[in-house]
Amino acid sequence: MSDDNKAGNLLDAAKAKIDEGADRVRAAGHEVASKVGNNPAENAADKAKAVEDRTKAEVHNAEADHNYNEAKKD
């Protein structure tokens, strides 16, 4: 594997980790919003958005792991 390819995979892994972190922060924000609102429908929508963002975070984590493992290959 070329050094350029390794660098590209490492860059992709880092980007996926940043995206994962952003998703987790958004999920936390939606979780808080779901507990402080007075409207049950809006609270449920915020709860659903939190679940969606946590799922996206897991996908980004898997992408990061994959790209990192590709970069480690000889």
C-alpha atoms as a PDB file:
ATOM      1  CA  MET A   1       0.000   0.000   0.000  1.00  0.00           C
ATOM      2  CA  SER A   2       1.370   3.390  -0.877  1.00  0.00           C
ATOM      3  CA  ASP A   3       2.053   6.056   1.690  1.00  0.00           C
ATOM      4  CA  ASP A   4      -0.520   8.291  -0.008  1.00  0.00           C
ATOM      5  CA  ASN A   5      -3.152   5.591   0.384  1.00  0.00           C
ATOM      6  CA  LYS A   6      -2.256   5.118   4.057  1.00  0.00           C
ATOM      7  CA  ALA A   7      -2.424   8.845   4.666  1.00  0.00           C
ATOM      8  CA  GLY A   8      -5.791   9.000   2.924  1.00  0.00           C
ATOM      9  CA  ASN A   9      -7.159   6.183   5.061  1.00  0.00           C
ATOM     10  CA  LEU A  10      -5.866   7.812   8.238  1.00  0.00           C
ATOM     11  CA  LEU A  11      -7.409  11.117   7.202  1.00  0.00           C
ATOM     12  CA  ASP A  12     -10.729   9.379   6.509  1.00  0.00           C
ATOM     13  CA  ALA A  13     -10.545   7.665   9.903  1.00  0.00           C
ATOM     14  CA  ALA A  14      -9.935  10.989  11.655  1.00  0.00           C
ATOM     15  CA  LYS A  15     -12.815  12.633   9.799  1.00  0.00           C
ATOM     16  CA  ALA A  16     -15.153   9.784  10.753  1.00  0.00           C
ATOM     17  CA  LYS A  17     -14.107  10.155  14.410  1.00  0.00           C
ATOM     18  CA  ILE A  18     -14.853  13.883  14.292  1.00  0.00           C
ATOM     19  CA  ASP A  19     -18.244  13.139  12.736  1.00  0.00           C
ATOM     20  CA  GLU A  20     -18.887  10.547  15.445  1.00  0.00           C
ATOM     21  CA  GLY A  21     -18.147  13.097  18.147  1.00  0.00           C
ATOM     22  CA  ALA A  22     -20.442  15.676  16.547  1.00  0.00           C
ATOM     23  CA  ASP A  23     -23.224  13.092  16.349  1.00  0.00           C
ATOM     24  CA  ARG A  24     -22.802  12.216  20.023  1.00  0.00           C
ATOM     25  CA  VAL A  25     -22.926  15.888  21.036  1.00  0.00           C
ATOM     26  CA  ARG A  26     -26.116  16.390  18.989  1.00  0.00           C
ATOM     27  CA  ALA A  27     -27.618  13.277  20.568  1.00  0.00           C
ATOM     28  CA  ALA A  28     -26.876  14.637  24.034  1.00  0.00           C
ATOM     29  CA  GLY A  29     -28.490  17.951  23.137  1.00  0.00           C
ATOM     30  CA  HIS A  30     -31.630  16.230  21.881  1.00  0.00           C
ATOM     31  CA  GLU A  31     -31.697  14.065  25.001  1.00  0.00           C
ATOM     32  CA  VAL A  32     -31.626  17.146  27.228  1.00  0.00           C
ATOM     33  CA  ALA A  33     -34.263  18.873  25.096  1.00  0.00           C
ATOM     34  CA  SER A  34     -36.515  15.833  25.405  1.00  0.00           C
ATOM     35  CA  LYS A  35     -36.491  16.191  29.193  1.00  0.00           C
ATOM     36  CA  VAL A  36     -36.988  19.927  29.591  1.00  0.00           C
ATOM     37  CA  GLY A  37     -39.821  20.654  27.171  1.00  0.00           C
ATOM     38  CA  ASN A  38     -43.483  20.876  28.119  1.00  0.00           C
ATOM     39  CA  ASN A  39     -44.864  19.427  24.896  1.00  0.00           C
ATOM     40  CA  PRO A  40     -44.950  15.593  24.963  1.00  0.00           C
ATOM     41  CA  ALA A  41     -44.940  15.362  21.150  1.00  0.00           C
ATOM     42  CA  GLU A  42     -41.867  17.583  20.864  1.00  0.00           C
ATOM     43  CA  ASN A  43     -40.177  15.658  23.666  1.00  0.00           C
ATOM     44  CA  ALA A  44     -40.807  12.388  21.820  1.00  0.00           C
ATOM     45  CA  ALA A  45     -39.459  13.895  18.599  1.00  0.00           C
ATOM     46  CA  ASP A  46     -36.309  15.035  20.407  1.00  0.00           C
ATOM     47  CA  LYS A  47     -35.912  11.569  21.912  1.00  0.00           C
ATOM     48  CA  ALA A  48     -36.189  10.038  18.421  1.00  0.00           C
ATOM     49  CA  LYS A  49     -33.604  12.501  17.081  1.00  0.00           C
ATOM     50  CA  ALA A  50     -31.257  11.487  19.903  1.00  0.00           C
ATOM     51  CA  VAL A  51     -31.605   7.832  18.935  1.00  0.00           C
ATOM     52  CA  GLU A  52     -30.978   8.707  15.279  1.00  0.00           C
ATOM     53  CA  ASP A  53     -27.850  10.695  16.139  1.00  0.00           C
ATOM     54  CA  ARG A  54     -26.484   7.891  18.330  1.00  0.00           C
ATOM     55  CA  THR A  55     -27.032   5.473  15.444  1.00  0.00           C
ATOM     56  CA  LYS A  56     -25.173   7.801  13.088  1.00  0.00           C
ATOM     57  CA  ALA A  57     -22.362   7.983  15.642  1.00  0.00           C
ATOM     58  CA  GLU A  58     -22.052   4.196  15.653  1.00  0.00           C
ATOM     59  CA  VAL A  59     -21.888   4.165  11.844  1.00  0.00           C
ATOM     60  CA  HIS A  60     -19.147   6.791  11.884  1.00  0.00           C
ATOM     61  CA  ASN A  61     -17.287   4.785  14.532  1.00  0.00           C
ATOM     62  CA  ALA A  62     -17.404   1.686  12.310  1.00  0.00           C
ATOM     63  CA  GLU A  63     -16.160   3.747   9.343  1.00  0.00           C
ATOM     64  CA  ALA A  64     -13.280   5.071  11.431  1.00  0.00           C
ATOM     65  CA  ASP A  65     -12.321   1.574  12.558  1.00  0.00           C
ATOM     66  CA  HIS A  66     -12.447   0.271   8.992  1.00  0.00           C
ATOM     67  CA  ASN A  67     -10.321   3.112   7.600  1.00  0.00           C
ATOM     68  CA  TYR A  68      -7.809   2.797  10.421  1.00  0.00           C
ATOM     69  CA  ASN A  69      -7.496  -0.958   9.880  1.00  0.00           C
ATOM     70  CA  GLU A  70      -6.993  -0.370   6.135  1.00  0.00           C
ATOM     71  CA  ALA A  71      -4.199   2.087   6.915  1.00  0.00           C
ATOM     72  CA  LYS A  72      -2.492  -0.451   9.214  1.00  0.00           C
ATOM     73  CA  LYS A  73      -2.320  -3.093   6.476  1.00  0.00           C
ATOM     74  CA  ASP A  74       1.120  -3.636   5.013  1.00  0.00           C
END
